[in-house]
Amino acid sequence: MQLERLPPELTIPGLNPAVMAAALGPRLTLLWGAAAPTRTLLSMATLLSARGQAPRLFDGRNRFDGYFVARLARRLTDKPHGVLGRLRLSRAFTCFQLAELIESTTPDGSPLFVLDLLSTFYDESVPLRDVERLLSETIAHLKWLAASGPVIVGACEPQALVKDRWGLLDQLQLSADSAWMLRAPIEAPVEQPRLF
């Protein structure tokens, strides 16, 4: 299924041809914003699975939305079980688990999606110097994996309480081959009906 042939009623944020093309080559692509672009990454992975690929998904914040993916798979094909069966999901709950998951991965050319990479690295219970070192090692391994296939990473800005960790997002942006800042759609103001 080609991206251009999606039904017109199927709107997937972030899935314009430029973003999809940038993310499908052997490179490290970063999609980030004020909120993690998890649904965009899930949409991309589901679309690739519908095309017959077997994407890997590493969930860094327990954000995998199985209902969203299943609904999208049903909209993309009449065989959603095949689409869902090709998605390979792994979860991590700490920055150390996520780093270990990434570092234990061998390149196989299939797309790798990392959902909300930095959320566990923003954990203030881990000293910043340890997090910076761990993130450097993790990024180096992601770049090594990206040499053989697409690696698409989602990240969000640090919250107000962890503003001292902005450098982590900067480090990730500088390391990525391409970085896209995704903004939430601007909603038109709703006009209130006049009562009198």
C-alpha atoms as a PDB file:
ATOM      1  CA  MET A   1       0.000   0.000   0.000  1.00  0.00           C
ATOM      2  CA  GLN A   2       1.430   3.351  -0.992  1.00  0.00           C
ATOM      3  CA  LEU A   3       1.103   6.346   1.272  1.00  0.00           C
ATOM      4  CA  GLU A   4      -0.530   8.319  -1.533  1.00  0.00           C
ATOM      5  CA  ARG A   5      -3.272   5.692  -1.828  1.00  0.00           C
ATOM      6  CA  LEU A   6      -4.521   6.018   1.708  1.00  0.00           C
ATOM      7  CA  PRO A   7      -8.234   6.697   1.857  1.00  0.00           C
ATOM      8  CA  PRO A   8      -8.869  10.458   2.054  1.00  0.00           C
ATOM      9  CA  GLU A   9     -10.765  10.051   5.315  1.00  0.00           C
ATOM     10  CA  LEU A  10      -7.674   8.484   6.910  1.00  0.00           C
ATOM     11  CA  THR A  11      -5.675  11.360   8.307  1.00  0.00           C
ATOM     12  CA  ILE A  12      -2.548  10.432  10.193  1.00  0.00           C
ATOM     13  CA  PRO A  13      -0.634  13.328  11.775  1.00  0.00           C
ATOM     14  CA  GLY A  14       2.964  13.566  10.640  1.00  0.00           C
ATOM     15  CA  LEU A  15       2.566  11.144   7.775  1.00  0.00           C
ATOM     16  CA  ASN A  16       3.159  13.559   4.971  1.00  0.00           C
ATOM     17  CA  PRO A  17       5.414  12.233   2.202  1.00  0.00           C
ATOM     18  CA  ALA A  18       8.432  14.281   3.356  1.00  0.00           C
ATOM     19  CA  VAL A  19       8.376  12.849   6.887  1.00  0.00           C
ATOM     20  CA  MET A  20       7.793   9.305   5.636  1.00  0.00           C
ATOM     21  CA  ALA A  21      10.583   9.551   3.045  1.00  0.00           C
ATOM     22  CA  ALA A  22      13.022  10.955   5.602  1.00  0.00           C
ATOM     23  CA  ALA A  23      12.228   8.180   8.034  1.00  0.00           C
ATOM     24  CA  LEU A  24      12.476   5.219   5.698  1.00  0.00           C
ATOM     25  CA  GLY A  25      16.097   5.397   4.652  1.00  0.00           C
ATOM     26  CA  PRO A  26      19.000   3.983   6.649  1.00  0.00           C
ATOM     27  CA  ARG A  27      19.353   6.918   9.006  1.00  0.00           C
ATOM     28  CA  LEU A  28      18.547   8.060  12.516  1.00  0.00           C
ATOM     29  CA  THR A  29      15.412  10.214  12.379  1.00  0.00           C
ATOM     30  CA  LEU A  30      14.114  12.154  15.369  1.00  0.00           C
ATOM     31  CA  LEU A  31      10.488  13.283  15.701  1.00  0.00           C
ATOM     32  CA  TRP A  32       9.963  15.451  18.764  1.00  0.00           C
ATOM     33  CA  GLY A  33       7.704  18.068  20.265  1.00  0.00           C
ATOM     34  CA  ALA A  34       6.224  19.439  23.447  1.00  0.00           C
ATOM     35  CA  ALA A  35       4.472  16.085  23.770  1.00  0.00           C
ATOM     36  CA  ALA A  36       5.922  12.821  22.545  1.00  0.00           C
ATOM     37  CA  PRO A  37       4.734  12.031  18.988  1.00  0.00           C
ATOM     38  CA  THR A  38       3.796   8.487  19.976  1.00  0.00           C
ATOM     39  CA  ARG A  39       0.708   8.231  17.762  1.00  0.00           C
ATOM     40  CA  THR A  40       2.690   9.433  14.747  1.00  0.00           C
ATOM     41  CA  LEU A  41       5.329   6.755  15.319  1.00  0.00           C
ATOM     42  CA  LEU A  42       2.669   4.098  15.921  1.00  0.00           C
ATOM     43  CA  SER A  43       0.943   5.165  12.705  1.00  0.00           C
ATOM     44  CA  MET A  44       4.184   4.917  10.757  1.00  0.00           C
ATOM     45  CA  ALA A  45       4.992   1.479  12.183  1.00  0.00           C
ATOM     46  CA  THR A  46       1.476   0.203  11.476  1.00  0.00           C
ATOM     47  CA  LEU A  47       1.605   1.502   7.924  1.00  0.00           C
ATOM     48  CA  LEU A  48       4.949  -0.217   7.337  1.00  0.00           C
ATOM     49  CA  SER A  49       3.580  -3.431   8.802  1.00  0.00           C
ATOM     50  CA  ALA A  50       0.584  -3.186   6.459  1.00  0.00           C
ATOM     51  CA  ARG A  51       3.122  -2.947   3.621  1.00  0.00           C
ATOM     52  CA  GLY A  52       4.638  -6.285   4.738  1.00  0.00           C
ATOM     53  CA  GLN A  53       7.582  -5.088   6.835  1.00  0.00           C
ATOM     54  CA  ALA A  54       8.218  -6.235  10.415  1.00  0.00           C
ATOM     55  CA  PRO A  55       9.000  -3.102  12.452  1.00  0.00           C
ATOM     56  CA  ARG A  56      10.419  -3.326  15.956  1.00  0.00           C
ATOM     57  CA  LEU A  57       9.014  -0.983  18.596  1.00  0.00           C
ATOM     58  CA  PHE A  58      10.847  -0.152  21.808  1.00  0.00           C
ATOM     59  CA  ASP A  59       8.511   1.555  24.257  1.00  0.00           C
ATOM     60  CA  GLY A  60      10.315   3.892  26.644  1.00  0.00           C
ATOM     61  CA  ARG A  61       7.302   5.131  28.565  1.00  0.00           C
ATOM     62  CA  ASN A  62       4.655   2.426  28.390  1.00  0.00           C
ATOM     63  CA  ARG A  63       2.831   4.468  25.732  1.00  0.00           C
ATOM     64  CA  PHE A  64       2.014   1.729  23.217  1.00  0.00           C
ATOM     65  CA  ASP A  65      -1.697   2.113  22.409  1.00  0.00           C
ATOM     66  CA  GLY A  66      -2.830  -1.287  21.164  1.00  0.00           C
ATOM     67  CA  TYR A  67      -6.391  -0.120  20.510  1.00  0.00           C
ATOM     68  CA  PHE A  68      -5.190   2.737  18.307  1.00  0.00           C
ATOM     69  CA  VAL A  69      -2.909   0.380  16.355  1.00  0.00           C
ATOM     70  CA  ALA A  70      -5.659  -2.240  15.934  1.00  0.00           C
ATOM     71  CA  ARG A  71      -8.174   0.358  14.697  1.00  0.00           C
ATOM     72  CA  LEU A  72      -5.640   1.732  12.243  1.00  0.00           C
ATOM     73  CA  ALA A  73      -4.742  -1.766  11.024  1.00  0.00           C
ATOM     74  CA  ARG A  74      -8.431  -2.449  10.352  1.00  0.00           C
ATOM     75  CA  ARG A  75      -8.631   0.777   8.337  1.00  0.00           C
ATOM     76  CA  LEU A  76      -5.536  -0.089   6.304  1.00  0.00           C
ATOM     77  CA  THR A  77      -6.347  -3.681   5.388  1.00  0.00           C
ATOM     78  CA  ASP A  78      -8.948  -6.386   5.586  1.00  0.00           C
ATOM     79  CA  LYS A  79      -6.354  -8.623   7.329  1.00  0.00           C
ATOM     80  CA  PRO A  80      -5.449  -6.686  10.493  1.00  0.00           C
ATOM     81  CA  HIS A  81      -4.172  -9.770  12.340  1.00  0.00           C
ATOM     82  CA  GLY A  82      -1.270 -10.041   9.895  1.00  0.00           C
ATOM     83  CA  VAL A  83      -0.423  -6.380  10.409  1.00  0.00           C
ATOM     84  CA  LEU A  84      -0.502  -6.740  14.192  1.00  0.00           C
ATOM     85  CA  GLY A  85       1.473  -9.977  14.072  1.00  0.00           C
ATOM     86  CA  ARG A  86       4.391  -8.314  12.291  1.00  0.00           C
ATOM     87  CA  LEU A  87       4.823  -5.615  14.955  1.00  0.00           C
ATOM     88  CA  ARG A  88       7.464  -6.606  17.531  1.00  0.00           C
ATOM     89  CA  LEU A  89       7.084  -4.721  20.818  1.00  0.00           C
ATOM     90  CA  SER A  90       9.513  -4.491  23.752  1.00  0.00           C
ATOM     91  CA  ARG A  91       9.050  -2.297  26.809  1.00  0.00           C
ATOM     92  CA  ALA A  92      11.529  -0.658  29.179  1.00  0.00           C
ATOM     93  CA  PHE A  93      10.731   1.129  32.423  1.00  0.00           C
ATOM     94  CA  THR A  94      14.087   2.745  33.271  1.00  0.00           C
ATOM     95  CA  CYS A  95      16.793   4.439  31.234  1.00  0.00           C
ATOM     96  CA  PHE A  96      19.093   1.511  32.052  1.00  0.00           C
ATOM     97  CA  GLN A  97      16.576  -1.028  30.715  1.00  0.00           C
ATOM     98  CA  LEU A  98      16.000   0.999  27.553  1.00  0.00           C
ATOM     99  CA  ALA A  99      19.737   1.421  26.971  1.00  0.00           C
ATOM    100  CA  GLU A 100      20.263  -2.322  27.473  1.00  0.00           C
ATOM    101  CA  LEU A 101      17.400  -3.125  25.101  1.00  0.00           C
ATOM    102  CA  ILE A 102      18.874  -0.887  22.397  1.00  0.00           C
ATOM    103  CA  GLU A 103      22.446  -2.049  22.944  1.00  0.00           C
ATOM    104  CA  SER A 104      21.469  -5.724  22.796  1.00  0.00           C
ATOM    105  CA  THR A 105      19.748  -5.226  19.429  1.00  0.00           C
ATOM    106  CA  THR A 106      21.540  -6.404  16.324  1.00  0.00           C
ATOM    107  CA  PRO A 107      20.965  -4.765  12.959  1.00  0.00           C
ATOM    108  CA  ASP A 108      18.625  -6.682  10.669  1.00  0.00           C
ATOM    109  CA  GLY A 109      17.531  -3.902   8.297  1.00  0.00           C
ATOM    110  CA  SER A 110      13.986  -3.725   9.642  1.00  0.00           C
ATOM    111  CA  PRO A 111      12.634  -0.373  10.841  1.00  0.00           C
ATOM    112  CA  LEU A 112      13.177   0.353  14.531  1.00  0.00           C
ATOM    113  CA  PHE A 113      10.875   2.764  16.352  1.00  0.00           C
ATOM    114  CA  VAL A 114      11.783   4.030  19.818  1.00  0.00           C
ATOM    115  CA  LEU A 115       8.730   5.524  21.501  1.00  0.00           C
ATOM    116  CA  ASP A 116       9.523   8.402  23.858  1.00  0.00           C
ATOM    117  CA  LEU A 117      13.225   7.679  24.230  1.00  0.00           C
ATOM    118  CA  LEU A 118      14.074  10.470  26.649  1.00  0.00           C
ATOM    119  CA  SER A 119      11.267  10.096  29.195  1.00  0.00           C
ATOM    120  CA  THR A 120      13.218   7.568  31.279  1.00  0.00           C
ATOM    121  CA  PHE A 121      16.390   9.652  30.876  1.00  0.00           C
ATOM    122  CA  TYR A 122      14.573  12.618  32.427  1.00  0.00           C
ATOM    123  CA  ASP A 123      14.222  10.647  35.702  1.00  0.00           C
ATOM    124  CA  GLU A 124      15.817  12.839  38.374  1.00  0.00           C
ATOM    125  CA  SER A 125      16.649   9.858  40.576  1.00  0.00           C
ATOM    126  CA  VAL A 126      19.534   9.119  38.189  1.00  0.00           C
ATOM    127  CA  PRO A 127      22.385  11.659  38.339  1.00  0.00           C
ATOM    128  CA  LEU A 128      22.659  13.854  35.261  1.00  0.00           C
ATOM    129  CA  ARG A 129      26.280  12.896  34.521  1.00  0.00           C
ATOM    130  CA  ASP A 130      25.302   9.187  34.478  1.00  0.00           C
ATOM    131  CA  VAL A 131      22.331   9.907  32.224  1.00  0.00           C
ATOM    132  CA  GLU A 132      24.467  11.930  29.794  1.00  0.00           C
ATOM    133  CA  ARG A 133      27.029   9.116  29.548  1.00  0.00           C
ATOM    134  CA  LEU A 134      24.320   6.482  29.102  1.00  0.00           C
ATOM    135  CA  LEU A 135      22.532   8.549  26.447  1.00  0.00           C
ATOM    136  CA  SER A 136      25.795   9.017  24.522  1.00  0.00           C
ATOM    137  CA  GLU A 137      26.327   5.256  24.453  1.00  0.00           C
ATOM    138  CA  THR A 138      22.690   4.661  23.465  1.00  0.00           C
ATOM    139  CA  ILE A 139      22.847   7.205  20.630  1.00  0.00           C
ATOM    140  CA  ALA A 140      26.063   5.644  19.335  1.00  0.00           C
ATOM    141  CA  HIS A 141      24.323   2.275  19.176  1.00  0.00           C
ATOM    142  CA  LEU A 142      21.229   3.775  17.512  1.00  0.00           C
ATOM    143  CA  LYS A 143      23.470   5.313  14.842  1.00  0.00           C
ATOM    144  CA  TRP A 144      25.148   1.932  14.340  1.00  0.00           C
ATOM    145  CA  LEU A 145      21.708   0.318  13.904  1.00  0.00           C
ATOM    146  CA  ALA A 146      20.686   3.131  11.520  1.00  0.00           C
ATOM    147  CA  ALA A 147      23.532   2.226   9.180  1.00  0.00           C
ATOM    148  CA  SER A 148      21.574  -0.877   8.121  1.00  0.00           C
ATOM    149  CA  GLY A 149      17.963   0.323   8.357  1.00  0.00           C
ATOM    150  CA  PRO A 150      15.700   3.127   9.486  1.00  0.00           C
ATOM    151  CA  VAL A 151      15.727   4.095  13.157  1.00  0.00           C
ATOM    152  CA  ILE A 152      12.916   6.471  14.077  1.00  0.00           C
ATOM    153  CA  VAL A 153      13.029   7.969  17.560  1.00  0.00           C
ATOM    154  CA  GLY A 154      10.279   9.917  19.295  1.00  0.00           C
ATOM    155  CA  ALA A 155      11.030  12.326  22.128  1.00  0.00           C
ATOM    156  CA  CYS A 156       9.414  15.112  24.081  1.00  0.00           C
ATOM    157  CA  GLU A 157      10.695  18.242  25.740  1.00  0.00           C
ATOM    158  CA  PRO A 158      11.560  17.953  29.431  1.00  0.00           C
ATOM    159  CA  GLN A 159       8.872  19.025  31.848  1.00  0.00           C
ATOM    160  CA  ALA A 160       9.234  22.145  33.977  1.00  0.00           C
ATOM    161  CA  LEU A 161      10.612  20.123  36.905  1.00  0.00           C
ATOM    162  CA  VAL A 162      13.517  18.716  34.877  1.00  0.00           C
ATOM    163  CA  LYS A 163      14.499  21.761  32.803  1.00  0.00           C
ATOM    164  CA  ASP A 164      18.160  21.061  33.607  1.00  0.00           C
ATOM    165  CA  ARG A 165      17.886  18.071  31.240  1.00  0.00           C
ATOM    166  CA  TRP A 166      17.258  20.109  28.061  1.00  0.00           C
ATOM    167  CA  GLY A 167      20.790  19.188  27.058  1.00  0.00           C
ATOM    168  CA  LEU A 168      19.654  15.601  26.534  1.00  0.00           C
ATOM    169  CA  LEU A 169      17.206  16.650  23.821  1.00  0.00           C
ATOM    170  CA  ASP A 170      19.868  18.894  22.289  1.00  0.00           C
ATOM    171  CA  GLN A 171      22.323  15.974  22.272  1.00  0.00           C
ATOM    172  CA  LEU A 172      19.765  13.753  20.537  1.00  0.00           C
ATOM    173  CA  GLN A 173      18.916  16.447  17.959  1.00  0.00           C
ATOM    174  CA  LEU A 174      22.578  17.007  17.095  1.00  0.00           C
ATOM    175  CA  SER A 175      23.156  13.265  16.673  1.00  0.00           C
ATOM    176  CA  ALA A 176      20.142  12.605  14.440  1.00  0.00           C
ATOM    177  CA  ASP A 177      20.546  12.546  10.673  1.00  0.00           C
ATOM    178  CA  SER A 178      17.220  14.368  10.409  1.00  0.00           C
ATOM    179  CA  ALA A 179      15.044  15.940  13.091  1.00  0.00           C
ATOM    180  CA  TRP A 180      11.415  17.015  12.792  1.00  0.00           C
ATOM    181  CA  MET A 181       9.616  19.090  15.382  1.00  0.00           C
ATOM    182  CA  LEU A 182       5.967  18.123  15.348  1.00  0.00           C
ATOM    183  CA  ARG A 183       3.421  20.543  16.678  1.00  0.00           C
ATOM    184  CA  ALA A 184      -0.079  19.729  17.800  1.00  0.00           C
ATOM    185  CA  PRO A 185      -2.661  20.824  15.228  1.00  0.00           C
ATOM    186  CA  ILE A 186      -4.033  24.285  15.839  1.00  0.00           C
ATOM    187  CA  GLU A 187      -7.718  24.033  16.442  1.00  0.00           C
ATOM    188  CA  ALA A 188     -10.029  26.723  15.187  1.00  0.00           C
ATOM    189  CA  PRO A 189     -11.865  28.561  17.937  1.00  0.00           C
ATOM    190  CA  VAL A 190     -15.331  27.242  18.492  1.00  0.00           C
ATOM    191  CA  GLU A 191     -17.968  29.904  18.163  1.00  0.00           C
ATOM    192  CA  GLN A 192     -20.433  29.814  21.000  1.00  0.00           C
ATOM    193  CA  PRO A 193     -24.079  29.899  19.940  1.00  0.00           C
ATOM    194  CA  ARG A 194     -25.931  33.038  20.852  1.00  0.00           C
ATOM    195  CA  LEU A 195     -28.603  32.471  23.427  1.00  0.00           C
ATOM    196  CA  PHE A 196     -30.542  35.673  22.838  1.00  0.00           C
END
